[in-house]
Protein backbone atom coordinates (compact mmCIF):
# COMPACT_ATOMS: atom_id res chain seq x y z
CA MET A 1 -8.61 28.42 18.70
CA LYS A 2 -5.13 27.14 19.54
CA ILE A 3 -6.60 24.14 21.37
CA PHE A 4 -9.00 23.48 18.50
CA GLY A 5 -6.17 23.63 15.97
CA ARG A 6 -4.06 21.23 17.98
CA CYS A 7 -6.98 18.82 18.25
CA ILE A 8 -7.36 18.89 14.46
CA TRP A 9 -3.65 18.21 13.97
CA PHE A 10 -3.78 15.38 16.49
CA LEU A 11 -6.69 13.76 14.62
CA VAL A 12 -5.12 14.22 11.19
CA LEU A 13 -1.76 12.80 12.25
CA THR A 14 -3.44 9.88 14.00
CA VAL A 15 -5.64 9.02 11.03
CA VAL A 16 -2.81 9.30 8.51
CA THR A 17 0.10 7.75 10.46
CA GLN A 18 -1.49 6.14 13.56
CA VAL A 19 1.35 7.20 15.88
CA GLY A 20 1.86 10.78 14.71
CA GLY A 21 -0.83 12.24 16.95
CA ILE A 22 0.72 10.86 20.13
CA ILE A 23 4.17 12.07 19.07
CA TYR A 24 2.69 15.49 18.30
CA LEU A 25 1.25 15.83 21.83
CA PHE A 26 4.47 14.57 23.38
CA ASN A 27 6.42 17.17 21.41
CA ILE A 28 4.13 19.96 22.63
CA GLY A 29 4.63 18.78 26.21
CA ILE A 30 8.41 18.84 25.88
CA HIS A 31 8.37 22.40 24.55
CA ARG A 32 6.03 23.57 27.30
CA TYR A 33 7.55 21.87 30.33
CA VAL A 34 11.11 20.83 29.43
CA TRP A 35 12.63 22.83 26.60
CA LYS A 36 11.42 26.43 26.41
CA PRO A 37 13.22 28.19 23.53
CA LYS A 38 12.91 31.97 23.62
CA LYS A 39 13.38 32.55 19.88
CA SER A 40 11.89 30.87 16.80
CA LYS A 41 9.71 28.73 19.04
CA TRP A 42 7.39 27.64 16.20
CA LEU A 43 10.23 26.58 13.89
CA LYS A 44 12.04 24.72 16.66
CA ARG A 45 8.85 22.92 17.62
CA GLN A 46 8.31 21.77 14.03
CA PHE A 47 11.91 20.67 13.66
CA SER A 48 11.89 18.75 16.93
CA PHE A 49 8.62 17.04 15.92
CA ILE A 50 10.14 15.85 12.63
CA VAL A 51 13.27 14.55 14.39
CA MET A 52 11.20 12.87 17.08
CA TYR A 53 8.74 11.35 14.59
CA VAL A 54 11.45 9.91 12.34
CA SER A 55 13.45 8.58 15.28
CA ILE A 56 10.48 6.88 16.92
CA CYS A 57 9.20 5.41 13.65
CA LEU A 58 12.62 3.97 12.84
CA MET A 59 13.80 2.79 16.24
CA VAL A 60 10.78 2.32 18.50
CA VAL A 61 7.78 1.38 16.37
CA PRO A 62 9.24 -1.71 14.61
CA PRO A 63 10.29 -3.65 17.75
CA VAL A 64 7.09 -2.72 19.59
CA ALA A 65 4.99 -3.71 16.57
CA ARG A 66 6.45 -7.22 16.78
CA LEU A 67 4.67 -7.57 20.12
CA ASN A 68 1.50 -7.18 18.06
CA ASP A 69 2.72 -9.81 15.54
CA ARG A 70 3.45 -7.17 12.89
CA GLN A 71 6.63 -6.15 11.14
CA PRO A 72 7.57 -3.62 8.47
CA LEU A 73 8.00 -4.70 4.87
CA PRO A 74 11.41 -4.04 3.27
CA TRP A 75 11.83 -0.52 1.99
CA PHE A 76 15.35 -0.58 0.58
CA LYS A 77 15.63 -1.06 -3.17
CA VAL A 78 18.23 -3.82 -2.76
CA THR A 79 15.43 -6.33 -2.10
CA THR A 80 12.98 -7.97 -4.53
CA LEU A 81 10.08 -6.35 -2.66
CA GLN A 82 9.88 -2.57 -2.42
CA PRO A 83 7.36 0.21 -1.80
CA GLN A 84 5.79 1.96 -4.74
CA ASN A 85 6.29 5.32 -3.02
CA TRP A 86 7.75 6.81 0.15
CA PHE A 87 4.39 8.02 1.42
CA THR A 88 3.67 4.42 2.46
CA ILE A 89 6.81 4.29 4.59
CA VAL A 90 6.61 7.77 6.09
CA CYS A 91 3.01 7.15 7.19
CA ASN A 92 3.65 3.67 8.67
CA ARG A 93 1.35 1.97 6.16
CA HIS A 94 3.86 -0.80 5.36
CA TYR A 95 3.31 -3.18 8.29
CA VAL A 96 2.06 -6.75 7.88
CA HIS A 97 1.35 -9.70 10.13
CA THR A 98 4.31 -11.99 10.81
CA ALA A 99 2.44 -14.71 8.86
CA LEU A 100 2.17 -12.53 5.75
CA TYR A 101 5.75 -11.24 5.75
CA PRO A 102 7.55 -14.49 4.80
CA LEU A 103 4.85 -15.32 2.26
CA ILE A 104 5.16 -12.12 0.26
CA THR A 105 8.95 -11.92 0.50
CA GLN A 106 9.21 -15.49 -0.82
CA VAL A 107 6.80 -14.70 -3.66
CA ALA A 108 8.92 -11.67 -4.53
CA ASP A 109 12.10 -13.76 -4.57
CA ASP A 110 10.43 -16.42 -6.73
CA PHE A 111 9.06 -13.78 -9.09
CA ASN A 112 12.53 -12.40 -9.69
CA ALA A 113 14.24 -15.80 -9.85
CA THR A 114 11.90 -17.20 -12.50
CA SER A 115 11.95 -14.07 -14.64
CA GLU A 116 13.40 -14.05 -18.12
CA TYR A 117 14.66 -10.55 -17.27
CA ASN A 118 16.97 -11.53 -14.43
CA GLU A 119 19.45 -8.85 -15.43
CA ALA A 120 16.75 -6.27 -14.73
CA SER A 121 16.32 -7.45 -11.10
CA LEU A 122 12.55 -7.40 -11.20
CA THR A 123 10.82 -6.43 -7.99
CA ILE A 124 7.28 -6.54 -6.69
CA ASN A 125 6.01 -3.07 -5.80
CA TYR A 126 3.73 -3.05 -2.79
CA LEU A 127 1.15 -0.37 -2.09
CA ASP A 128 -0.82 -0.01 1.17
CA ALA A 129 -0.46 -2.69 3.83
CA ASN A 130 -1.49 -1.95 7.44
CA PHE A 131 -0.59 0.19 10.44
CA PRO A 132 1.74 -1.28 13.10
CA PHE A 133 -0.70 -1.47 16.02
CA ILE A 134 -4.25 -2.30 17.12
CA ASP A 135 -6.48 -4.74 15.25
CA GLY A 136 -9.50 -2.90 13.90
CA PHE A 137 -7.75 0.47 13.59
CA PRO A 138 -8.82 1.70 10.12
CA LEU A 139 -6.34 2.40 7.34
CA ILE A 140 -8.32 5.04 5.48
CA PRO A 141 -9.63 4.76 2.79
CA HIS A 142 -9.46 0.95 2.92
CA LEU A 143 -12.26 -1.09 4.45
CA SER A 144 -10.28 -4.11 5.59
CA HIS A 145 -6.58 -3.22 6.01
CA ASN A 146 -6.87 -3.24 9.79
CA ASP A 147 -5.35 -6.47 11.12
CA GLY A 148 -1.97 -6.83 9.43
CA LYS A 149 -3.19 -9.59 7.13
CA LYS A 150 -3.94 -7.56 3.99
CA LEU A 151 -1.64 -6.13 1.35
CA ASP A 152 -2.06 -4.39 -2.01
CA LEU A 153 0.36 -5.04 -4.85
CA ALA A 154 0.89 -3.06 -8.02
CA PHE A 155 0.23 -4.52 -11.45
CA ARG A 156 3.19 -5.17 -13.72
CA TYR A 157 4.02 -2.82 -16.59
CA GLN A 158 6.42 -2.61 -19.50
CA SER A 159 7.84 0.19 -21.56
CA ILE A 160 6.06 1.17 -24.77
CA SER A 161 9.41 1.65 -26.52
CA THR A 162 10.89 -1.73 -25.51
CA PRO A 163 9.44 -5.17 -24.64
CA LEU A 164 11.22 -5.20 -21.27
CA ALA A 165 9.34 -5.32 -17.99
CA VAL A 166 10.00 -2.44 -15.58
CA ASN A 167 9.73 -1.88 -11.84
CA GLN A 168 7.46 1.15 -12.18
CA THR A 169 3.75 1.87 -12.29
CA LYS A 170 1.62 4.30 -14.27
CA SER A 171 0.60 6.36 -11.25
CA LEU A 172 2.37 7.95 -8.30
CA LEU A 173 0.43 6.01 -5.66
CA GLY A 174 -0.04 2.86 -7.73
CA TYR A 175 -3.83 3.23 -7.76
CA GLY A 176 -6.27 4.88 -10.13
CA VAL A 177 -5.02 3.86 -13.59
CA TYR A 178 -7.34 1.04 -14.64
CA VAL A 179 -7.07 -1.88 -17.02
CA GLU A 180 -10.51 -1.39 -18.53
CA PRO A 181 -12.69 -4.33 -19.65
CA ALA A 182 -12.62 -5.01 -23.36
CA SER A 183 -15.70 -5.33 -25.54
CA GLY A 184 -17.60 -8.45 -24.54
CA GLU A 185 -16.00 -8.70 -21.08
CA LEU A 186 -17.97 -8.19 -17.86
CA ASN A 187 -17.94 -4.51 -16.92
CA GLN A 188 -18.28 -4.70 -13.15
CA THR A 189 -17.69 -0.97 -12.77
CA THR A 190 -20.81 -0.07 -14.74
CA ALA A 191 -22.84 -2.56 -12.71
CA CYS A 192 -21.53 -1.36 -9.35
CA LYS A 193 -21.82 2.37 -10.05
CA LYS A 194 -25.57 2.06 -10.45
CA ASN A 195 -25.78 1.94 -6.64
CA ARG A 196 -22.24 2.71 -5.42
CA TRP A 197 -20.87 6.10 -6.47
CA GLN A 198 -17.46 5.49 -4.86
CA TYR A 199 -16.54 2.43 -6.92
CA ASP A 200 -14.03 4.19 -9.19
CA ILE A 201 -13.10 7.05 -6.86
CA THR A 202 -9.41 6.09 -6.91
CA LYS A 203 -9.08 7.63 -10.37
CA TYR A 204 -9.06 11.02 -8.61
CA ILE A 205 -6.12 10.19 -6.31
CA GLY A 206 -3.86 8.08 -8.51
CA PHE A 207 -1.81 10.92 -10.06
CA PRO A 208 -0.75 9.36 -13.40
CA ILE A 209 2.96 9.93 -14.06
CA ASN A 210 4.20 7.37 -16.59
CA ASP A 211 2.51 7.64 -19.97
CA GLY A 212 5.33 5.60 -21.48
CA LEU A 213 4.20 2.40 -19.78
CA ILE A 214 1.56 -0.18 -20.70
CA TYR A 215 -0.01 -2.96 -18.67
CA ASP A 216 2.03 -6.17 -18.84
CA GLU A 217 -0.52 -8.98 -18.77
CA ASP A 218 2.02 -11.80 -18.98
CA GLN A 219 4.06 -10.59 -16.00
CA THR A 220 0.94 -9.79 -13.98
CA LYS A 221 -0.41 -13.27 -14.66
CA ARG A 222 2.90 -14.78 -13.59
CA LEU A 223 2.70 -12.82 -10.35
CA MET A 224 -0.90 -13.93 -9.85
CA THR A 225 0.10 -17.57 -10.39
CA LEU A 226 2.72 -17.33 -7.65
CA LEU A 227 0.24 -15.68 -5.29
CA VAL A 228 -2.36 -18.39 -5.91
CA ALA A 229 0.23 -21.12 -5.26
CA ALA A 230 1.28 -19.46 -1.99
CA ASN A 231 -0.62 -19.84 1.28
CA THR A 232 -2.96 -16.92 0.56
CA GLU A 233 -6.59 -17.00 1.66
CA LYS A 234 -8.14 -14.48 -0.75
CA ILE A 235 -6.99 -12.48 -3.76
CA PHE A 236 -9.13 -9.67 -5.15
CA ILE A 237 -9.06 -8.44 -8.75
CA GLU A 238 -11.81 -7.41 -11.15
CA PRO A 239 -13.74 -10.34 -12.69
CA HIS A 240 -12.82 -9.41 -16.27
CA LEU A 241 -9.11 -9.70 -15.46
CA LYS A 242 -9.54 -13.08 -13.78
CA THR A 243 -11.31 -14.33 -16.89
CA ARG A 244 -8.81 -12.70 -19.26
CA MET A 245 -5.85 -14.31 -17.49
CA GLY A 246 -7.56 -17.69 -17.38
CA ILE A 247 -7.28 -18.07 -13.60
CA GLN A 248 -9.46 -20.86 -12.18
CA SER A 249 -8.64 -20.69 -8.47
CA ASP A 250 -11.46 -20.02 -6.01
CA LYS A 251 -9.02 -17.87 -4.03
CA VAL A 252 -9.33 -15.21 -6.71
CA ARG A 253 -12.69 -13.56 -6.29
CA PHE A 254 -14.76 -10.42 -6.62
CA HIS A 255 -14.47 -8.04 -3.67
CA GLY A 256 -17.99 -6.58 -3.83
CA CYS A 257 -19.43 -3.25 -4.94
CA HIS A 258 -19.05 -1.78 -1.44
CA ALA A 259 -15.28 -1.51 -2.01
CA VAL A 260 -13.46 0.17 -4.93
CA ARG A 261 -12.50 -1.33 -8.25
CA HIS A 262 -9.53 -3.66 -8.43
CA ASP A 263 -8.35 -3.44 -12.02
CA ASP A 264 -5.50 -1.19 -10.93
CA HIS A 265 -3.96 -3.38 -8.20
CA ILE A 266 -4.01 -6.81 -6.55
CA HIS A 267 -5.31 -7.29 -3.02
CA ILE A 268 -4.10 -10.32 -1.07
CA GLN A 269 -4.82 -11.54 2.43
CA VAL A 270 -3.98 -14.46 4.70
CA GLN A 271 -5.91 -16.18 7.46
């Protein structure tokens, strides 16, 4: 049972963080063959795993990932590009190809520089990107975030009580709170759910937290305009939002019913 349990932990940590499973096995080996504490062995093993995991993810993974043409996105709030939540950082889901990194950081700088709310230091909040290593390694639950060239961005929101834009989203993970089609607009969700049950599954994992915010169409359109003008290959949002924002670019397209709905975030990718 102990071996079975360790196999499960190895699989879970590998699926969720990519490198956590290897670090987990390495930690077990150290406790068995190098450091053999006589008391509180379980607690010391957990503590040493956390220290080892954090140290490796901060000091070893980033430089090695560059050998695979990937680098971590900024995660300090002093930049114009920041993660929506710390889960993305802790689980190594914030890595992008070296061709995507300068593109999205420049878009973030331009978004803030051209804002009428410069005093608010507007940022772009990114969601899931990619793992640091191995093309084709899946970033569950995404279908295509496996080569460093894809990135999800949060929509823009503003406070209900004031007209100012904010650097927050309506859900903890940035997914799952949808901008529903209005009457007369194409309802792609209804069409897709006839054959694809999973199409709006993200509503169960979004964890809404900010009822005081509303979707900011003007700021989201401004962000979309910058993304279209950049050297992006494809941008995915729901068809009704593309029509509503009056976007004509062929880069902006429907992602297909096999994926999940995209009226809660923007998906971009480069060649």
